[in-house]
C-alpha atoms as a PDB file:
ATOM      1  CA  MET A   1      -0.007   0.168   0.093  1.00  0.00           C
ATOM      2  CA  ASP A   2       1.527   3.306  -0.824  1.00  0.00           C
ATOM      3  CA  ALA A   3       1.436   6.473   1.279  1.00  0.00           C
ATOM      4  CA  GLN A   4      -1.136   8.211  -0.881  1.00  0.00           C
ATOM      5  CA  ARG A   5      -3.559   5.622  -0.379  1.00  0.00           C
ATOM      6  CA  LEU A   6      -2.832   5.557   3.398  1.00  0.00           C
ATOM      7  CA  ILE A   7      -3.160   9.327   3.920  1.00  0.00           C
ATOM      8  CA  ASN A   8      -6.413   9.260   1.747  1.00  0.00           C
ATOM      9  CA  MET A   9      -8.070   6.536   3.979  1.00  0.00           C
ATOM     10  CA  ILE A  10      -6.994   8.544   7.183  1.00  0.00           C
ATOM     11  CA  VAL A  11      -8.416  11.695   5.834  1.00  0.00           C
ATOM     12  CA  SER A  12     -11.841   9.814   4.909  1.00  0.00           C
ATOM     13  CA  ILE A  13     -12.009   8.223   8.501  1.00  0.00           C
ATOM     14  CA  PHE A  14     -11.588  11.745   9.998  1.00  0.00           C
ATOM     15  CA  THR A  15     -13.943  13.461   7.458  1.00  0.00           C
ATOM     16  CA  ARG A  16     -16.780  10.975   8.150  1.00  0.00           C
ATOM     17  CA  ARG A  17     -16.432  11.332  11.829  1.00  0.00           C
ATOM     18  CA  LEU A  18     -16.493  15.104  11.624  1.00  0.00           C
ATOM     19  CA  ILE A  19     -19.325  14.972   9.322  1.00  0.00           C
ATOM     20  CA  ASN A  20     -21.489  12.629  11.442  1.00  0.00           C
ATOM     21  CA  PHE A  21     -20.698  14.614  14.549  1.00  0.00           C
ATOM     22  CA  GLY A  22     -22.051  17.730  12.880  1.00  0.00           C
ATOM     23  CA  ILE A  23     -25.215  16.086  11.903  1.00  0.00           C
ATOM     24  CA  ASN A  24     -25.795  14.626  15.338  1.00  0.00           C
ATOM     25  CA  LYS A  25     -25.147  18.172  16.601  1.00  0.00           C
ATOM     26  CA  GLY A  26     -27.687  19.565  14.047  1.00  0.00           C
ATOM     27  CA  VAL A  27     -30.572  17.259  14.978  1.00  0.00           C
ATOM     28  CA  ASP A  28     -29.974  17.923  18.588  1.00  0.00           C
ATOM     29  CA  ALA A  29     -30.094  21.531  17.863  1.00  0.00           C
ATOM     30  CA  VAL A  30     -33.570  21.109  15.688  1.00  0.00           C
ATOM     31  CA  ALA A  31     -35.016  18.734  18.473  1.00  0.00           C
ATOM     32  CA  ARG A  32     -34.502  21.349  21.114  1.00  0.00           C
ATOM     33  CA  LYS A  33     -35.672  24.064  18.817  1.00  0.00           C
ATOM     34  CA  GLY A  34     -33.116  26.329  19.919  1.00  0.00           C
ATOM     35  CA  LYS A  35     -33.938  26.329  23.812  1.00  0.00           C
ATOM     36  CA  PRO A  36     -31.093  25.825  26.383  1.00  0.00           C
ATOM     37  CA  ASN A  37     -31.511  23.100  28.605  1.00  0.00           C
ATOM     38  CA  GLY A  38     -32.272  25.365  31.630  1.00  0.00           C
ATOM     39  CA  ARG A  39     -35.209  27.003  29.934  1.00  0.00           C
ATOM     40  CA  MET A  40     -37.037  23.709  29.012  1.00  0.00           C
ATOM     41  CA  THR A  41     -39.866  22.006  30.773  1.00  0.00           C
ATOM     42  CA  ALA A  42     -40.408  18.581  31.496  1.00  0.00           C
ATOM     43  CA  GLU A  43     -42.499  18.163  28.323  1.00  0.00           C
ATOM     44  CA  ASP A  44     -39.794  19.788  26.144  1.00  0.00           C
ATOM     45  CA  ARG A  45     -37.374  17.425  27.524  1.00  0.00           C
ATOM     46  CA  LYS A  46     -39.526  14.396  26.734  1.00  0.00           C
ATOM     47  CA  GLN A  47     -40.087  15.922  23.127  1.00  0.00           C
ATOM     48  CA  VAL A  48     -36.195  16.330  22.740  1.00  0.00           C
ATOM     49  CA  GLN A  49     -35.753  12.503  24.116  1.00  0.00           C
ATOM     50  CA  ASP A  50     -38.361  11.227  21.558  1.00  0.00           C
ATOM     51  CA  ALA A  51     -36.912  13.158  18.619  1.00  0.00           C
ATOM     52  CA  ARG A  52     -33.373  12.083  19.204  1.00  0.00           C
ATOM     53  CA  ALA A  53     -34.790   8.151  19.582  1.00  0.00           C
ATOM     54  CA  LEU A  54     -36.461   8.708  16.135  1.00  0.00           C
ATOM     55  CA  ALA A  55     -33.288   9.939  14.663  1.00  0.00           C
ATOM     56  CA  LYS A  56     -31.272   7.135  16.013  1.00  0.00           C
ATOM     57  CA  ARG A  57     -34.075   4.685  14.485  1.00  0.00           C
ATOM     58  CA  ALA A  58     -33.579   6.824  11.160  1.00  0.00           C
ATOM     59  CA  ARG A  59     -29.959   6.125  11.228  1.00  0.00           C
ATOM     60  CA  GLN A  60     -30.200   2.278  12.172  1.00  0.00           C
ATOM     61  CA  ALA A  61     -32.652   1.916   9.157  1.00  0.00           C
ATOM     62  CA  ALA A  62     -30.423   3.797   6.594  1.00  0.00           C
ATOM     63  CA  LYS A  63     -27.499   1.256   7.747  1.00  0.00           C
ATOM     64  CA  ILE A  64     -29.876  -1.480   7.224  1.00  0.00           C
ATOM     65  CA  THR A  65     -31.034  -0.598   4.101  1.00  0.00           C
ATOM     66  CA  ARG A  66     -27.375   0.036   2.774  1.00  0.00           C
ATOM     67  CA  ARG A  67     -26.651  -3.457   4.052  1.00  0.00           C
ATOM     68  CA  LEU A  68     -29.314  -4.855   1.959  1.00  0.00           C
ATOM     69  CA  GLY A  69     -28.454  -3.102  -1.067  1.00  0.00           C
ATOM     70  CA  ARG A  70     -25.102  -4.736  -1.194  1.00  0.00           C
END
């Protein structure tokens, strides 16, 4: 394996992690509707928790769909 391929693999791993981190932060921000944790009611917290669970299920479904497509 040459050095260029190795560098490309490492860069792609870090890029993928960075993009996933950004997507997760964005989903959390949308779920919270821009409210800080201190100003949320118990109902708001429950709604955020449900939204995060829904996003997690969507990611799992996408992963399963990609596996079936192979």
